[in-house]
Each structure stands twice: as structure tokens, then as C-alpha cells.
Protein backbone atom coordinates (compact mmCIF):
# COMPACT_ATOMS: atom_id res chain seq x y z
CA MET A 1 -0.13 -0.13 0.17
CA PHE A 2 1.34 3.50 -0.74
CA LEU A 3 0.43 6.75 0.53
CA SER A 4 1.52 10.37 -0.10
CA ARG A 5 2.96 12.25 2.80
CA ALA A 6 -0.19 14.15 2.49
CA GLY A 7 -2.13 10.82 2.96
CA LEU A 8 0.06 9.78 5.88
CA ARG A 9 -0.54 12.89 8.13
CA SER A 10 -4.52 12.49 7.68
CA CYS A 11 -4.12 8.77 8.78
CA GLY A 12 -2.14 9.64 11.31
CA ALA A 13 -4.92 12.21 12.66
CA ARG A 14 -7.06 9.29 12.38
CA ILE A 15 -4.94 6.91 14.76
CA ALA A 16 -6.02 9.82 17.57
CA THR A 17 -9.65 8.47 17.37
CA SER A 18 -9.07 4.79 16.87
CA ASN A 19 -5.99 3.32 17.07
CA THR A 20 -7.34 -0.26 16.33
CA ARG A 21 -8.53 0.69 13.06
CA CYS A 22 -5.30 2.04 11.82
CA ALA A 23 -3.33 -0.79 13.32
CA SER A 24 -2.80 -2.69 10.07
CA VAL A 25 -1.64 0.61 8.55
CA LEU A 26 1.03 1.99 11.26
CA ALA A 27 3.60 -0.15 12.52
CA PRO A 28 4.07 -0.10 16.42
CA THR A 29 6.42 2.39 18.42
CA THR A 30 9.36 0.35 17.56
CA PRO A 31 8.94 -1.19 14.29
CA SER A 32 10.37 -4.20 12.34
CA VAL A 33 10.74 -3.27 8.86
CA PRO A 34 10.93 -5.73 6.42
CA THR A 35 13.73 -5.89 4.31
CA ALA A 36 11.91 -5.97 1.11
CA ALA A 37 9.75 -3.09 1.84
CA ALA A 38 10.51 0.84 2.07
CA ALA A 39 9.72 2.84 5.30
CA THR A 40 8.68 6.04 5.63
CA PRO A 41 8.67 8.05 9.14
CA LEU A 42 4.85 9.28 9.89
CA HIS A 43 5.84 11.80 12.45
CA ASN A 44 8.11 12.02 15.48
CA ASN A 45 6.05 12.75 18.75
CA ASN A 46 7.92 12.43 22.07
CA ASN A 47 10.64 10.25 20.57
CA LYS A 48 7.88 7.94 19.20
CA ILE A 49 8.27 7.28 15.57
CA ASN A 50 5.65 5.78 13.52
CA TYR A 51 6.06 4.16 10.18
CA ILE A 52 3.86 3.01 7.22
CA GLN A 53 4.97 0.37 5.13
CA SER A 54 4.79 0.66 1.01
CA PHE A 55 5.77 -2.42 -1.02
CA SER A 56 6.67 -1.81 -4.58
CA THR A 57 6.01 -5.53 -6.16
CA ALA A 58 2.25 -5.71 -7.65
CA ALA A 59 0.55 -8.71 -8.48
CA LYS A 60 0.54 -9.55 -12.16
CA PRO A 61 -3.12 -9.43 -13.96
CA SER A 62 -4.66 -12.82 -14.50
CA THR A 63 -5.81 -13.88 -17.91
CA ALA A 64 -9.58 -13.40 -16.74
CA GLN A 65 -8.51 -9.91 -15.86
CA LEU A 66 -6.81 -9.44 -19.27
CA VAL A 67 -9.56 -10.71 -21.07
CA LYS A 68 -11.93 -8.48 -19.34
CA GLN A 69 -9.93 -5.19 -20.12
CA LEU A 70 -9.43 -6.27 -23.57
CA ARG A 71 -13.18 -6.70 -24.18
CA GLU A 72 -13.98 -3.43 -22.39
CA MET A 73 -11.47 -1.84 -24.96
CA THR A 74 -12.53 -3.52 -28.16
CA GLY A 75 -15.93 -4.85 -27.74
CA ALA A 76 -14.76 -8.37 -29.16
CA PRO A 77 -16.32 -11.53 -27.73
CA MET A 78 -14.52 -13.10 -24.59
CA MET A 79 -13.21 -16.22 -26.75
CA GLU A 80 -11.77 -14.04 -29.45
CA CYS A 81 -9.82 -11.91 -26.55
CA LYS A 82 -8.65 -14.95 -24.77
CA LYS A 83 -7.47 -16.34 -28.36
CA ALA A 84 -5.67 -12.86 -29.07
CA LEU A 85 -4.10 -12.70 -25.59
CA SER A 86 -2.60 -16.37 -25.55
CA THR A 87 -1.14 -16.24 -29.20
CA PRO A 88 2.52 -16.60 -28.86
CA GLU A 89 3.62 -13.35 -30.29
CA VAL A 90 1.41 -11.37 -28.57
CA ASP A 91 2.01 -13.10 -24.82
CA HIS A 92 -0.66 -11.71 -22.81
CA ASP A 93 0.28 -7.91 -24.11
CA LEU A 94 -2.81 -5.83 -24.15
CA GLU A 95 -1.43 -3.26 -26.94
CA LYS A 96 -0.59 -6.19 -29.18
CA ALA A 97 -3.73 -8.07 -28.53
CA GLN A 98 -5.67 -5.03 -29.77
CA GLU A 99 -3.38 -5.04 -33.02
CA TRP A 100 -4.14 -8.93 -33.29
CA LEU A 101 -7.76 -8.40 -33.15
CA ARG A 102 -7.73 -5.92 -35.85
CA LYS A 103 -5.64 -7.85 -38.04
CA TYR A 104 -7.37 -11.19 -37.80
CA GLY A 105 -10.36 -10.97 -35.57
CA SER A 106 -11.97 -8.40 -37.70
CA ALA A 107 -11.36 -9.90 -40.98
CA LYS A 108 -12.68 -13.36 -39.84
CA ALA A 109 -15.97 -11.47 -38.30
CA SER A 110 -16.16 -9.43 -41.59
CA SER A 111 -16.06 -12.63 -44.25
CA LYS A 112 -18.60 -14.43 -41.88
CA VAL A 113 -21.34 -11.28 -42.01
CA ALA A 114 -20.56 -10.46 -45.54
CA GLY A 115 -23.56 -10.91 -48.02
CA ARG A 116 -26.02 -10.63 -45.26
CA GLU A 117 -29.14 -8.45 -45.53
CA ALA A 118 -28.87 -5.04 -43.56
CA LEU A 119 -32.40 -3.69 -43.36
CA GLU A 120 -32.16 -1.54 -40.03
CA GLY A 121 -29.49 1.29 -39.11
CA LEU A 122 -29.35 4.82 -38.00
CA VAL A 123 -28.81 8.12 -39.75
CA GLY A 124 -26.16 10.55 -38.31
CA VAL A 125 -26.27 14.20 -38.49
CA LYS A 126 -23.63 16.65 -37.99
CA ILE A 127 -23.55 20.54 -38.13
CA GLU A 128 -20.55 22.60 -37.88
CA GLY A 129 -20.33 26.26 -38.86
CA ASP A 130 -21.00 26.28 -42.57
CA ARG A 131 -20.93 22.82 -43.29
CA ALA A 132 -23.15 19.66 -42.41
CA SER A 133 -23.44 16.03 -43.06
CA ILE A 134 -26.05 13.37 -43.28
CA VAL A 135 -24.77 9.56 -43.00
CA LYS A 136 -26.80 6.66 -43.25
CA VAL A 137 -25.52 3.28 -42.05
CA LYS A 138 -27.17 0.16 -42.42
CA SER A 139 -27.22 -3.17 -39.60
CA GLU A 140 -28.86 -6.27 -39.80
CA THR A 141 -31.01 -5.92 -36.80
CA ASP A 142 -32.66 -3.04 -34.75
CA PHE A 143 -30.93 -4.18 -31.79
CA ALA A 144 -27.66 -3.53 -32.85
CA SER A 145 -28.21 -0.22 -34.48
CA ARG A 146 -29.41 1.28 -30.92
CA SER A 147 -26.16 -0.19 -29.52
CA GLU A 148 -23.89 2.51 -28.12
CA THR A 149 -21.03 0.85 -30.38
CA PHE A 150 -22.87 1.56 -33.45
CA SER A 151 -24.26 4.85 -32.69
CA THR A 152 -20.55 6.12 -32.05
CA PHE A 153 -19.46 4.56 -35.48
CA VAL A 154 -22.14 6.49 -36.78
CA GLN A 155 -21.33 9.75 -35.42
CA GLU A 156 -17.73 9.37 -36.01
CA ILE A 157 -18.30 9.22 -39.85
CA ALA A 158 -20.71 12.25 -39.48
CA ASP A 159 -18.07 14.20 -37.93
CA ALA A 160 -15.40 13.33 -40.22
CA ALA A 161 -17.36 14.06 -43.03
CA THR A 162 -18.04 17.33 -41.76
CA ALA A 163 -14.41 17.92 -40.93
CA GLY A 164 -13.47 17.34 -44.59
CA ASP A 165 -13.68 19.53 -47.83
CA VAL A 166 -15.78 17.55 -49.80
CA ASN A 167 -19.29 18.58 -50.77
CA GLY A 168 -22.44 16.93 -52.38
CA ASP A 169 -22.36 13.31 -52.95
CA VAL A 170 -19.60 11.55 -51.60
CA ASP A 171 -17.66 8.45 -52.89
CA ILE A 172 -17.96 6.40 -49.88
CA GLY A 173 -15.01 3.60 -50.72
CA ALA A 174 -12.63 6.72 -51.23
CA PHE A 175 -13.68 8.34 -48.12
CA MET A 176 -13.96 5.55 -45.86
CA ALA A 177 -10.18 4.68 -46.66
CA SER A 178 -8.84 7.98 -46.20
CA ALA A 179 -10.92 9.71 -43.39
CA LYS A 180 -9.93 9.46 -40.03
CA ASP A 181 -12.08 9.14 -36.85
CA SER A 182 -11.45 10.76 -33.22
CA LYS A 183 -8.81 8.58 -32.44
CA GLY A 184 -6.57 9.03 -35.70
CA LEU A 185 -7.81 5.48 -37.14
CA VAL A 186 -8.86 5.14 -40.78
CA LEU A 187 -12.52 4.76 -40.92
CA SER A 188 -12.34 1.62 -42.69
CA GLU A 189 -10.54 0.34 -39.76
CA THR A 190 -13.25 1.88 -37.33
CA LEU A 191 -15.62 0.02 -39.54
CA ASN A 192 -13.91 -3.34 -38.85
CA ASP A 193 -13.93 -2.76 -35.01
CA ALA A 194 -17.41 -2.00 -34.85
CA ILE A 195 -18.28 -5.35 -37.08
CA LEU A 196 -15.80 -7.26 -34.57
CA ALA A 197 -17.79 -6.06 -31.67
CA ILE A 198 -21.37 -6.16 -32.91
CA ARG A 199 -20.80 -9.64 -35.22
CA GLU A 200 -23.18 -7.98 -37.71
CA ASN A 201 -23.12 -7.05 -41.50
CA ILE A 202 -22.65 -3.21 -41.33
CA GLN A 203 -22.75 -1.08 -44.54
CA VAL A 204 -22.18 2.83 -45.01
CA ASP A 205 -25.16 3.06 -47.18
CA SER A 206 -25.24 6.75 -48.43
CA MET A 207 -23.54 10.16 -47.53
CA VAL A 208 -24.40 13.78 -48.20
CA ILE A 209 -22.38 16.84 -47.19
CA MET A 210 -23.79 20.30 -47.47
CA LYS A 211 -21.93 23.58 -47.60
CA ALA A 212 -23.83 26.87 -47.09
CA SER A 213 -24.28 28.58 -50.17
CA SER A 214 -23.49 31.87 -48.81
CA ASP A 215 -22.48 33.54 -45.55
CA LYS A 216 -25.73 34.93 -44.96
CA SER A 217 -27.00 31.09 -45.02
CA VAL A 218 -28.27 29.21 -41.90
CA LEU A 219 -28.14 25.40 -41.60
CA ALA A 220 -30.05 23.50 -39.14
CA GLY A 221 -31.53 20.02 -38.91
CA TYR A 222 -33.99 17.60 -36.57
CA VAL A 223 -33.08 13.96 -35.77
CA HIS A 224 -36.04 11.60 -35.44
CA GLY A 225 -35.96 8.78 -32.97
CA ARG A 226 -32.64 9.86 -31.61
CA ALA A 227 -30.19 7.23 -30.04
CA PRO A 228 -28.67 7.99 -26.51
CA ASN A 229 -25.97 10.43 -26.03
CA SER A 230 -25.66 10.94 -29.94
CA SER A 231 -27.05 12.97 -33.02
CA CYS A 232 -28.28 9.52 -34.65
CA GLY A 233 -31.54 8.40 -35.27
CA SER A 234 -34.13 6.70 -37.66
CA ALA A 235 -34.61 9.69 -39.76
CA ALA A 236 -33.22 13.11 -40.10
CA ALA A 237 -33.10 16.35 -42.27
CA VAL A 238 -31.03 19.24 -42.73
CA VAL A 239 -32.26 22.58 -44.10
CA GLU A 240 -30.40 25.65 -45.34
CA LEU A 241 -32.32 28.95 -45.12
CA GLU A 242 -30.54 32.21 -46.51
CA VAL A 243 -31.16 35.47 -44.02
CA THR A 244 -31.96 38.51 -45.31
CA SER A 245 -30.78 40.41 -41.97
CA ASP A 246 -28.51 40.12 -39.17
CA ALA A 247 -31.66 40.61 -36.80
CA GLY A 248 -33.49 37.55 -38.03
CA SER A 249 -30.63 34.99 -37.89
CA GLU A 250 -31.98 33.33 -34.72
CA LYS A 251 -35.57 33.24 -36.02
CA ALA A 252 -34.32 31.82 -39.28
CA GLU A 253 -32.28 28.86 -37.54
CA GLU A 254 -35.50 28.13 -35.55
CA ALA A 255 -37.62 28.35 -38.65
CA ALA A 256 -34.87 25.93 -40.21
CA LYS A 257 -35.32 23.44 -37.44
CA LYS A 258 -39.23 23.41 -38.03
CA LEU A 259 -38.89 23.02 -41.63
CA ALA A 260 -36.60 19.68 -41.00
CA MET A 261 -38.90 18.44 -38.56
CA HIS A 262 -41.63 18.69 -41.33
CA VAL A 263 -39.18 17.06 -44.17
CA VAL A 264 -38.66 14.13 -41.64
CA ALA A 265 -42.52 13.78 -41.28
CA ALA A 266 -43.82 14.50 -44.98
CA LYS A 267 -40.87 12.13 -46.56
CA PRO A 268 -40.69 14.43 -49.63
CA THR A 269 -38.93 12.82 -52.81
CA TYR A 270 -38.22 16.17 -54.49
CA LEU A 271 -36.87 19.33 -53.47
CA ASN A 272 -39.13 21.41 -55.73
CA PRO A 273 -41.43 20.87 -58.79
CA GLU A 274 -38.56 21.60 -61.50
CA SER A 275 -36.78 18.48 -60.27
CA VAL A 276 -39.69 15.82 -60.50
CA PRO A 277 -39.22 13.77 -63.69
CA GLU A 278 -41.48 14.30 -66.17
CA ASP A 279 -42.81 10.49 -66.08
CA VAL A 280 -43.38 11.02 -62.73
CA VAL A 281 -45.70 13.78 -63.26
CA ASN A 282 -47.62 11.78 -65.80
CA LYS A 283 -47.99 8.93 -63.66
CA GLU A 284 -49.56 10.90 -60.86
CA LYS A 285 -51.99 12.77 -63.13
CA GLU A 286 -53.38 9.27 -64.17
CA ILE A 287 -53.92 8.32 -60.98
CA LEU A 288 -55.64 11.57 -60.36
CA LEU A 289 -57.77 11.25 -63.17
CA GLU A 290 -58.98 7.81 -62.13
CA LYS A 291 -59.89 8.88 -58.84
CA MET A 292 -62.36 11.55 -60.41
CA THR A 293 -63.70 8.83 -62.90
CA GLY A 294 -67.60 8.89 -61.98
CA THR A 295 -67.63 12.46 -60.47
CA ASN A 296 -69.67 13.68 -63.73
CA LYS A 297 -67.03 16.28 -63.99
CA PRO A 298 -66.27 17.17 -67.96
CA PRO A 299 -62.85 16.36 -68.96
CA GLU A 300 -61.75 19.79 -69.39
CA ILE A 301 -62.52 20.42 -65.89
CA MET A 302 -60.54 17.49 -64.77
CA GLU A 303 -57.69 18.62 -66.47
CA LYS A 304 -57.63 22.20 -64.85
CA ILE A 305 -57.68 20.28 -61.40
CA ILE A 306 -54.88 18.47 -62.04
CA ALA A 307 -52.79 20.95 -64.06
């Protein structure tokens, strides 16, 4: 047991009220100090010196303790952690065990889950200054997508996307191979670590990065079904509004948030009428005309209604 001098004084003060309680910490008046221990005088009062002993030798962690630590650090299954630690080149070294899991455990897990259908997941959002990103990441089950490991991974991608200099649609493969997370790891490695921990097929499905079109623009977003301690959820939207005066910036940000909420609720497919393909418009007109059949309205009136 090791205590600083300040700790020694406080323990010495407690002796005055409870000698029995501190008997295991403080030696008797004439101590017999073992040769394997370092002895430090506590105080000298009426030629009586008390000593506290500190031993420098520490017990080596057991395999079970190392497995527990490695699981907490990587999220990998218990047997994978045990296998990594017992590998000769690792020899129960935690840092080497992490590297081993990245090289072999992640590759094995990825090969097992590859090709499995991923229909659940989260959407991550990050807004920083004049840049914003929306990232959609898929998982196999809702249980996995709601885990802290998964939501943290999604948030790492959204953060990295906003920090970069790419705008618009992103080449996901190139981005994952070059961008880094908050720990300095390449995102492709972070993905492998997430697969190793969750043991499910995880796919970065899509990613869009927005940059404000002018210095008077305001970016705001809304996340629906937010996962705990993150900006990820089941659906999300980001809206840009251009402010005409400095006084209206706060109101514009609030309006943008409300618009983003409506976007999530309405699930619009297109941004404006001009972006809707002509074949989609014609199909919708056919459906509306079919609905008005039997209403005794003249054809020219029906055409005006749907125009």
C-alpha cells in the first residue's frame, strides 16, 4: 500500500481517535521493518516514530482480468479476446492483442457477416459552422443499431465528413479509406472494429455533405428517434435558409429546425417541382384522373384540376 505524505498525515490524524482501526496501516512504536519494504517516518512525537510500509511489487494481472480489459477496450467476444492474448506473438500484451484483433479478428468477423441482409440502421447528422453532413449506416437488426458501439461509429463518420472539404454526394469507398476518426484511425479500420464488436453486417449506405451557399445562410437539422448520447436516429433532415438581415438569424435557425422536422414527417422525394421527372408527373396525373372517374365532371375541368 502506498500513500503520499499528505495521505500519511491524514491517516495519522485518524489514529488519535481509532488506534485499533489503523493498526494494520501503522507499525508499532518500535517497528520491525521488512527488508523488502520501504519505510517512511509518519511523524516524531515524544521520541515515538510511527512508520508506514509500502511494497513496490504488484501482482501480475490474471488471464481473466486481461480478457475483461480487452473486451472493454475492443468490444470483441470473450473467446476472441482469450485467443488473441494467448497467441505466442502477443504473449498477454494488451496493446499487441488489440492489433491482433484488428488484423485477424475483424477480417474473420467481416467474412462471416458479408452478404447478409442489412435493413435496419441509423442516420447520423453533424452540423459545424457552414458545413453539415448526413450519413446513413445499415445494420442487420434494430437491436444492434441501438447499441452504443453502433451509434458511436455512425457519429464518427458524420463528424469526419463535416471536418473534410468534400461537398455533395461522396464516394464512400474512397472516403472510408482516407478519412480518420477522432482517435486517428482510418474509418475503414473503425468499421472493422464495429463489425468485430457487434458481429453483424454493417454498411455505410449513403452520405451527403452540405456547405452553406453564402455567408448569410443558416444550417439547421432535426433527428427523429434519436439514439442516446448522439445525433443519430431513425430519420433526419438538414435545411438551409438564407437570412436577409442580421436581426433575423436566430428566427431563421428556429424556422429551419421546424422545416427539417416537417421534411422528416412528410418524407418528400423531390426538393421542388422542377426536379420531378416528367414520367413521374404523368403517372401521378393518371392516378388523379382515375380517382375522379364517376364524379360527372367534364374532362376539361378535370384537366384543369390536376394541371
